[in-house]
N, C-alpha and C. Protein backbone atom coordinates (compact mmCIF):
# COMPACT_ATOMS: atom_id res chain seq x y z
N MET A 1 110.48 103.05 115.90
CA MET A 1 110.01 103.52 114.76
C MET A 1 108.45 102.91 114.18
N ILE A 2 107.08 103.76 114.16
CA ILE A 2 106.29 103.20 113.65
C ILE A 2 106.29 103.41 112.38
N ARG A 3 105.50 101.97 111.35
CA ARG A 3 105.87 102.45 109.89
C ARG A 3 104.38 101.61 109.63
N PRO A 4 104.33 101.57 108.60
CA PRO A 4 102.83 101.00 107.69
C PRO A 4 103.04 99.16 107.79
N LEU A 5 102.12 98.41 107.76
CA LEU A 5 102.74 97.25 108.22
C LEU A 5 103.38 96.35 106.35
N ALA A 6 103.94 95.72 106.74
CA ALA A 6 104.88 94.60 105.41
C ALA A 6 104.57 93.03 105.57
N GLY A 7 104.77 92.40 104.95
CA GLY A 7 104.08 91.24 104.65
C GLY A 7 104.78 90.35 105.43
N GLY A 8 106.18 91.16 105.65
CA GLY A 8 107.17 89.80 106.51
C GLY A 8 106.54 90.24 108.01
N ASP A 9 105.63 91.39 108.88
CA ASP A 9 105.14 91.71 109.73
C ASP A 9 104.28 90.69 110.54
N ARG A 10 103.13 89.71 109.85
CA ARG A 10 102.43 88.81 110.01
C ARG A 10 102.39 88.19 111.11
N GLU A 11 103.72 87.09 110.97
CA GLU A 11 103.97 85.85 111.58
C GLU A 11 104.49 86.66 113.16
N ALA A 12 105.33 87.97 113.01
CA ALA A 12 105.27 88.31 114.22
C ALA A 12 104.41 88.89 115.23
N ILE A 13 103.20 89.57 114.23
CA ILE A 13 101.99 89.86 114.79
C ILE A 13 101.44 88.56 115.51
N ARG A 14 101.28 87.79 114.74
CA ARG A 14 100.79 86.07 115.84
C ARG A 14 101.20 86.01 116.79
N ARG A 15 102.55 86.36 116.99
CA ARG A 15 103.16 85.89 117.82
C ARG A 15 103.18 86.39 118.90
N ILE A 16 102.82 88.28 118.87
CA ILE A 16 102.82 88.75 120.22
C ILE A 16 101.12 88.44 120.31
N LEU A 17 100.19 88.61 119.46
CA LEU A 17 99.02 88.15 119.90
C LEU A 17 98.59 87.30 120.49
N VAL A 18 99.39 85.96 120.40
CA VAL A 18 99.48 84.31 121.32
C VAL A 18 100.28 85.06 122.72
N ALA A 19 101.09 85.48 122.15
CA ALA A 19 101.97 85.72 123.89
C ALA A 19 101.51 86.63 124.62
N THR A 20 100.32 87.93 124.43
CA THR A 20 99.85 88.34 125.34
C THR A 20 99.41 87.57 126.68
N GLY A 21 98.40 86.51 126.09
CA GLY A 21 98.30 85.48 126.65
C GLY A 21 96.41 85.33 127.32
N VAL A 22 95.65 86.85 126.76
CA VAL A 22 94.77 87.69 126.89
C VAL A 22 93.91 87.15 125.28
N PHE A 23 94.22 87.50 124.50
CA PHE A 23 93.28 87.08 123.06
C PHE A 23 93.21 84.93 122.87
N THR A 24 91.87 85.15 123.04
CA THR A 24 91.67 83.74 123.03
C THR A 24 91.66 83.15 121.31
N GLY A 25 92.06 81.88 120.88
CA GLY A 25 92.10 81.15 119.07
C GLY A 25 91.45 82.41 118.35
N GLU A 26 90.47 82.52 118.70
CA GLU A 26 89.11 82.98 117.55
C GLU A 26 89.47 84.45 117.49
N GLU A 27 90.17 85.25 118.35
CA GLU A 27 90.21 86.65 118.72
C GLU A 27 91.85 86.81 117.64
N VAL A 28 92.37 85.61 118.21
CA VAL A 28 93.54 85.66 117.31
C VAL A 28 93.45 85.64 115.64
N ALA A 29 92.42 85.09 115.30
CA ALA A 29 92.53 84.22 114.15
C ALA A 29 91.88 85.84 113.11
N ILE A 30 90.91 86.27 114.16
CA ILE A 30 89.76 87.92 113.80
C ILE A 30 90.63 88.83 113.69
N ALA A 31 91.82 88.74 114.34
CA ALA A 31 93.09 89.95 113.94
C ALA A 31 94.01 89.82 113.28
N LEU A 32 94.10 87.98 112.36
CA LEU A 32 94.83 87.89 111.27
C LEU A 32 94.08 88.27 109.96
N GLU A 33 93.20 87.89 110.40
CA GLU A 33 91.76 88.14 109.18
C GLU A 33 92.23 89.46 108.64
N LEU A 34 92.79 90.80 109.70
CA LEU A 34 92.41 91.98 108.99
C LEU A 34 93.70 92.49 108.56
N VAL A 35 94.73 91.90 109.45
CA VAL A 35 96.40 91.54 108.74
C VAL A 35 95.98 91.56 107.12
N ASP A 36 95.88 90.15 107.03
CA ASP A 36 96.00 89.75 105.69
C ASP A 36 94.61 90.90 104.88
N ALA A 37 94.22 91.30 105.11
CA ALA A 37 93.28 92.32 104.44
C ALA A 37 93.70 93.10 103.58
N VAL A 38 94.98 93.61 104.94
CA VAL A 38 95.92 94.81 104.35
C VAL A 38 96.84 94.49 103.23
N LEU A 39 96.97 93.61 103.79
CA LEU A 39 98.25 93.28 103.15
C LEU A 39 97.98 92.38 101.39
N GLU A 40 97.05 91.58 101.72
CA GLU A 40 96.54 90.91 99.98
C GLU A 40 95.53 92.82 99.49
N LYS A 41 94.99 93.10 99.70
CA LYS A 41 94.73 94.62 99.39
C LYS A 41 95.09 95.61 99.74
N PRO A 42 96.21 96.43 99.42
CA PRO A 42 97.00 97.22 100.05
C PRO A 42 96.19 98.86 99.97
N GLY A 43 95.20 98.94 98.34
CA GLY A 43 94.57 99.76 98.29
C GLY A 43 93.17 99.99 99.14
N GLN A 44 92.79 99.13 99.97
CA GLN A 44 91.56 98.68 100.58
C GLN A 44 91.21 100.14 101.87
N LYS A 45 90.71 100.71 101.93
CA LYS A 45 90.45 101.99 102.61
C LYS A 45 90.07 101.53 104.45
N ASP A 46 89.63 100.27 104.86
CA ASP A 46 88.50 100.06 105.62
C ASP A 46 89.60 99.63 106.76
N TYR A 47 91.14 99.40 106.71
CA TYR A 47 91.70 99.02 107.94
C TYR A 47 93.07 99.77 107.43
N ILE A 48 93.87 100.17 108.63
CA ILE A 48 95.29 100.90 108.54
C ILE A 48 95.82 99.98 109.78
N ILE A 49 96.67 99.38 109.00
CA ILE A 49 97.57 98.75 110.34
C ILE A 49 99.10 99.47 109.93
N ARG A 50 99.60 99.74 110.92
CA ARG A 50 100.96 100.43 111.86
C ARG A 50 101.45 99.44 112.65
N VAL A 51 103.12 99.31 112.71
CA VAL A 51 103.60 98.37 113.23
C VAL A 51 104.71 99.15 114.07
N MET A 52 105.15 98.93 115.15
CA MET A 52 105.95 99.50 115.57
C MET A 52 107.55 98.31 115.89
N GLU A 53 108.59 98.95 115.27
CA GLU A 53 109.60 98.31 115.54
C GLU A 53 111.10 98.86 116.01
N GLU A 54 111.96 97.64 116.31
CA GLU A 54 113.25 98.09 117.03
C GLU A 54 114.06 97.60 116.44
N GLU A 55 115.24 97.58 116.24
CA GLU A 55 116.47 96.69 115.72
C GLU A 55 115.72 95.96 115.09
N GLY A 56 114.92 95.92 114.33
CA GLY A 56 114.22 94.89 113.40
C GLY A 56 113.18 93.72 114.41
N ASN A 57 113.31 94.31 115.16
CA ASN A 57 112.28 93.92 116.06
C ASN A 57 110.91 94.29 115.98
N VAL A 58 109.66 93.30 115.62
CA VAL A 58 108.42 94.10 115.84
C VAL A 58 108.24 94.02 117.73
N LEU A 59 107.14 95.32 117.80
CA LEU A 59 107.30 95.23 119.43
C LEU A 59 105.65 95.24 119.45
N GLY A 60 105.31 95.66 118.64
CA GLY A 60 103.47 96.42 118.44
C GLY A 60 103.27 96.72 117.60
N TYR A 61 101.62 96.55 117.21
CA TYR A 61 101.09 96.78 115.92
C TYR A 61 99.69 97.43 116.71
N TYR A 62 98.95 98.22 115.44
CA TYR A 62 97.94 98.82 115.86
C TYR A 62 97.10 98.68 114.56
N CYS A 63 95.63 98.49 114.55
CA CYS A 63 94.89 98.53 113.48
C CYS A 63 93.38 99.48 113.76
N VAL A 64 93.28 100.35 113.26
CA VAL A 64 92.42 101.55 113.09
C VAL A 64 92.15 101.49 111.70
N GLY A 65 90.47 101.79 111.54
CA GLY A 65 89.55 102.13 110.27
C GLY A 65 88.48 103.40 110.87
N PRO A 66 88.07 103.63 109.25
CA PRO A 66 87.02 104.28 109.82
C PRO A 66 85.33 103.69 110.02
N THR A 67 84.45 104.30 110.87
CA THR A 67 83.78 102.98 111.27
C THR A 67 82.46 103.32 109.92
N PRO A 68 81.83 102.46 109.31
CA PRO A 68 80.68 102.45 108.21
C PRO A 68 79.85 103.54 108.63
N ALA A 69 79.08 104.08 108.09
CA ALA A 69 77.75 104.79 108.22
C ALA A 69 77.80 105.36 109.00
N THR A 70 79.08 106.49 110.04
CA THR A 70 79.51 107.33 110.62
C THR A 70 80.26 108.60 109.93
N GLN A 71 80.09 109.79 110.37
CA GLN A 71 80.98 110.96 110.24
C GLN A 71 81.99 111.45 110.80
N ALA A 72 83.14 110.66 110.62
CA ALA A 72 84.92 110.80 111.26
C ALA A 72 84.50 109.96 112.38
N THR A 73 84.36 109.10 112.54
CA THR A 73 84.47 108.21 113.98
C THR A 73 85.55 106.91 113.62
N PHE A 74 86.17 106.47 114.37
CA PHE A 74 86.90 105.63 113.72
C PHE A 74 87.01 104.76 114.61
N ASP A 75 87.04 102.99 114.50
CA ASP A 75 87.47 102.72 115.11
C ASP A 75 88.62 102.01 115.59
N LEU A 76 89.02 101.32 116.78
CA LEU A 76 90.31 101.07 117.09
C LEU A 76 90.61 99.56 117.24
N TYR A 77 90.52 98.78 116.25
CA TYR A 77 89.85 97.70 116.25
C TYR A 77 90.85 96.44 117.15
N TRP A 78 92.53 96.97 116.91
CA TRP A 78 93.27 96.49 117.77
C TRP A 78 94.26 97.38 118.45
N ILE A 79 95.23 96.58 119.38
CA ILE A 79 96.12 97.31 119.85
C ILE A 79 97.15 96.63 120.66
N ALA A 80 98.38 95.61 120.21
CA ALA A 80 98.84 94.55 121.30
C ALA A 80 100.63 95.10 121.17
N VAL A 81 100.46 95.16 122.19
CA VAL A 81 102.11 95.10 122.67
C VAL A 81 103.00 93.38 122.88
N ASP A 82 104.18 93.53 122.44
CA ASP A 82 104.83 91.83 122.93
C ASP A 82 105.00 92.31 124.77
N PRO A 83 104.91 91.53 125.14
CA PRO A 83 104.53 91.25 126.87
C PRO A 83 106.17 91.48 127.03
N ALA A 84 107.71 91.30 126.45
CA ALA A 84 108.59 91.89 126.93
C ALA A 84 108.97 93.49 126.56
N ALA A 85 107.92 94.01 125.49
CA ALA A 85 107.98 95.69 125.74
C ALA A 85 106.94 96.61 126.84
N GLN A 86 106.35 95.18 127.06
CA GLN A 86 104.78 95.93 127.76
C GLN A 86 106.07 96.79 129.38
N GLY A 87 104.93 97.88 130.05
CA GLY A 87 105.56 98.63 131.02
C GLY A 87 106.48 99.70 130.24
N LYS A 88 106.78 100.04 129.19
CA LYS A 88 107.53 100.63 128.95
C LYS A 88 107.48 102.29 127.96
N GLY A 89 106.29 102.09 127.96
CA GLY A 89 105.47 103.20 127.55
C GLY A 89 105.20 102.59 125.65
N THR A 90 105.53 101.72 125.25
CA THR A 90 105.03 100.84 123.76
C THR A 90 103.76 101.47 123.33
N GLY A 91 102.46 100.57 124.36
CA GLY A 91 100.74 101.16 123.90
C GLY A 91 101.03 102.11 124.00
N ALA A 92 101.05 103.33 124.71
CA ALA A 92 100.97 104.69 124.58
C ALA A 92 101.15 104.97 123.44
N GLU A 93 102.95 104.99 122.90
CA GLU A 93 102.91 105.29 121.91
C GLU A 93 102.70 105.36 120.72
N LEU A 94 102.05 103.40 120.59
CA LEU A 94 101.31 103.48 119.76
C LEU A 94 99.78 104.24 119.65
N ASP A 95 99.03 104.08 120.71
CA ASP A 95 97.61 104.85 120.64
C ASP A 95 98.25 106.21 120.41
N ARG A 96 99.25 107.50 121.15
CA ARG A 96 98.80 108.55 120.48
C ARG A 96 99.58 108.58 118.33
N HIS A 97 100.12 107.54 118.47
CA HIS A 97 99.91 107.29 117.07
C HIS A 97 99.38 107.43 116.38
N ALA A 98 98.22 106.31 116.66
CA ALA A 98 97.15 106.23 115.96
C ALA A 98 95.99 106.99 116.26
N ILE A 99 96.23 107.95 117.14
CA ILE A 99 94.89 109.16 117.21
C ILE A 99 95.79 110.37 116.39
N GLY A 100 96.88 110.88 116.46
CA GLY A 100 97.70 111.23 115.27
C GLY A 100 96.93 111.49 114.15
N LEU A 101 97.22 110.21 113.55
CA LEU A 101 96.77 109.34 112.26
C LEU A 101 94.98 109.63 112.32
N ILE A 102 93.97 109.21 112.84
CA ILE A 102 93.33 109.55 113.04
C ILE A 102 92.57 110.82 112.78
N GLY A 103 93.20 112.20 113.53
CA GLY A 103 93.29 113.54 113.78
C GLY A 103 93.31 113.55 112.09
N GLU A 104 94.70 113.02 111.64
CA GLU A 104 95.04 114.11 110.19
C GLU A 104 94.05 113.60 109.22
N MET A 105 93.11 112.09 109.29
CA MET A 105 92.18 111.86 108.37
C MET A 105 91.22 112.64 108.79
N GLY A 106 90.75 113.56 109.72
CA GLY A 106 89.51 113.94 110.22
C GLY A 106 88.53 113.39 110.97
N GLY A 107 89.23 112.62 112.04
CA GLY A 107 88.34 111.43 112.80
C GLY A 107 88.36 112.73 114.01
N ARG A 108 86.72 112.47 114.79
CA ARG A 108 86.95 113.10 115.88
C ARG A 108 86.66 112.26 116.64
N LEU A 109 86.15 111.15 116.53
CA LEU A 109 85.90 110.55 118.13
C LEU A 109 86.82 108.77 117.07
N VAL A 110 87.15 108.09 118.60
CA VAL A 110 87.67 106.95 118.41
C VAL A 110 87.38 106.11 119.61
N ILE A 111 86.48 104.79 118.87
CA ILE A 111 86.12 104.10 119.80
C ILE A 111 86.80 102.67 119.68
N ALA A 112 87.23 102.23 121.22
CA ALA A 112 87.49 100.92 121.45
C ALA A 112 86.60 99.94 121.50
N GLU A 113 86.68 98.73 121.82
CA GLU A 113 85.54 97.82 122.56
C GLU A 113 86.66 96.76 122.69
N THR A 114 86.28 96.30 124.10
CA THR A 114 86.55 95.26 124.67
C THR A 114 86.07 94.67 125.62
N SER A 115 86.36 93.25 126.51
CA SER A 115 85.79 92.63 127.25
C SER A 115 85.91 93.19 128.56
N SER A 116 84.77 92.50 130.04
CA SER A 116 84.91 92.59 131.21
C SER A 116 85.46 91.29 131.51
N ARG A 117 86.09 90.30 131.01
CA ARG A 117 86.74 89.49 131.76
C ARG A 117 87.90 90.25 132.51
N PRO A 118 88.21 88.99 133.54
CA PRO A 118 89.53 89.84 134.05
C PRO A 118 90.63 89.70 133.56
N ALA A 119 91.06 88.94 132.64
CA ALA A 119 92.28 88.70 131.64
C ALA A 119 92.48 90.07 131.16
N TYR A 120 91.30 91.27 130.78
CA TYR A 120 91.52 92.32 130.15
C TYR A 120 91.43 93.94 130.57
N ASP A 121 91.76 93.38 132.73
CA ASP A 121 91.47 95.09 133.21
C ASP A 121 92.54 95.35 132.79
N ARG A 122 93.97 94.75 132.85
CA ARG A 122 94.88 95.96 132.25
C ARG A 122 94.54 96.87 130.92
N THR A 123 94.20 95.65 130.30
CA THR A 123 93.61 96.84 129.00
C THR A 123 92.84 97.89 128.57
N ARG A 124 91.60 97.82 130.20
CA ARG A 124 90.61 98.44 130.41
C ARG A 124 91.33 100.04 131.08
N ALA A 125 92.13 99.54 131.78
CA ALA A 125 93.18 100.96 132.79
C ALA A 125 93.35 101.23 131.75
N PHE A 126 94.56 100.58 130.98
CA PHE A 126 95.09 101.21 129.50
C PHE A 126 94.42 101.97 129.13
N TYR A 127 93.71 102.21 128.26
CA TYR A 127 93.00 102.88 127.71
C TYR A 127 92.08 104.11 128.74
N VAL A 128 91.70 103.62 130.00
CA VAL A 128 91.89 104.85 130.77
C VAL A 128 93.09 105.79 130.82
N ARG A 129 93.72 105.18 130.93
CA ARG A 129 95.10 105.94 131.04
C ARG A 129 95.39 107.06 130.16
N GLN A 130 94.63 105.98 128.79
CA GLN A 130 95.51 107.53 127.45
C GLN A 130 94.24 108.03 127.26
N GLY A 131 93.43 107.87 128.02
CA GLY A 131 92.47 108.92 128.00
C GLY A 131 91.04 108.95 127.63
N TYR A 132 90.18 107.87 127.54
CA TYR A 132 89.53 106.94 127.09
C TYR A 132 88.45 107.40 128.60
N THR A 133 87.25 106.94 128.02
CA THR A 133 86.30 107.25 129.10
C THR A 133 85.48 106.04 128.34
N GLU A 134 85.09 105.28 129.54
CA GLU A 134 83.98 104.13 129.35
C GLU A 134 82.63 104.50 129.11
N LEU A 135 81.92 104.51 127.26
CA LEU A 135 80.64 105.35 126.81
C LEU A 135 79.95 104.28 126.91
N ALA A 136 80.17 102.99 127.27
CA ALA A 136 78.67 101.94 127.33
C ALA A 136 79.30 100.52 127.94
N ARG A 137 78.14 100.06 128.43
CA ARG A 137 78.62 98.57 128.85
C ARG A 137 77.32 97.90 128.24
N ILE A 138 77.63 96.28 127.84
CA ILE A 138 76.13 95.76 127.30
C ILE A 138 76.57 94.01 127.99
N ARG A 139 76.11 93.90 128.63
CA ARG A 139 75.85 92.83 130.02
C ARG A 139 75.70 91.63 129.31
N GLU A 140 77.17 91.02 129.27
CA GLU A 140 76.30 89.26 129.02
C GLU A 140 77.03 89.35 127.10
N TYR A 141 77.48 90.15 126.53
CA TYR A 141 77.62 90.47 125.26
C TYR A 141 78.07 89.06 124.96
N TYR A 142 79.40 88.98 125.02
CA TYR A 142 80.41 88.02 124.17
C TYR A 142 79.85 86.48 124.54
N ARG A 143 79.48 86.48 125.92
CA ARG A 143 78.81 85.38 126.68
C ARG A 143 78.40 85.42 128.41
N PRO A 144 78.17 84.49 128.72
CA PRO A 144 77.30 84.76 130.02
C PRO A 144 78.49 85.21 131.23
N GLY A 145 78.77 86.13 131.92
CA GLY A 145 79.40 87.01 132.56
C GLY A 145 81.00 87.67 131.86
N ASP A 146 80.77 87.75 130.67
CA ASP A 146 81.87 88.58 129.74
C ASP A 146 80.84 89.88 128.81
N ASP A 147 80.82 91.13 129.61
CA ASP A 147 80.18 92.10 128.97
C ASP A 147 81.02 92.43 128.06
N LEU A 148 80.39 93.60 127.23
CA LEU A 148 81.30 94.27 125.84
C LEU A 148 81.25 95.64 126.98
N VAL A 149 82.90 96.16 126.27
CA VAL A 149 82.63 97.69 127.41
C VAL A 149 82.95 98.32 126.66
N VAL A 150 82.83 99.06 126.15
CA VAL A 150 83.01 100.34 125.02
C VAL A 150 84.16 101.11 125.47
N PHE A 151 84.97 101.70 124.51
CA PHE A 151 85.51 102.72 125.30
C PHE A 151 85.76 104.15 123.98
N GLY A 152 85.92 105.57 124.10
CA GLY A 152 85.27 106.57 123.76
C GLY A 152 86.82 107.64 123.84
N LYS A 153 87.20 107.99 122.59
CA LYS A 153 88.01 109.34 123.01
C LYS A 153 87.76 110.00 121.87
N TYR A 154 86.88 111.66 122.69
CA TYR A 154 87.00 112.55 121.50
C TYR A 154 88.36 113.12 121.08
N LEU A 155 88.22 113.47 119.81
CA LEU A 155 89.52 114.27 119.25
C LEU A 155 89.11 116.10 119.41
N THR A 156 90.29 116.62 119.59
CA THR A 156 89.70 118.21 119.67
C THR A 156 90.68 118.38 118.53
N ARG A 157 90.19 119.71 117.89
CA ARG A 157 91.12 119.98 116.42
C ARG A 157 91.45 121.58 116.58
């Protein structure tokens, strides 16, 4: 079941982000800031978070939102799956749900930014499997030897 974020999900999301072994402490803190923003201001329109749950256990989540100053472009800010649920289609199902939601909101382009570090090899491969295309790469964006890789997926109506 994929559902809106609830107050009790914050710790499960933190646990998933840490358990992946991919995100730095700073990245986890940023992800949790977005969770807090949604929980503290339910009427805000910048971030939409959905959680996949099975038998009361959070398996993964995504966070999307409209990109400011664009017409119908959305950012996929976060998508993360518990390592125990990886390789079972959980991430693909979360991505399909996110794309469906963005499409319902009139979105035409989804942008996902990620790192070029080897720890993100599986993440980049995931985006390609989901039909995203590498649109841009900015060398040494995050730090020396760590490029920003921008993926995009155009939605058809």
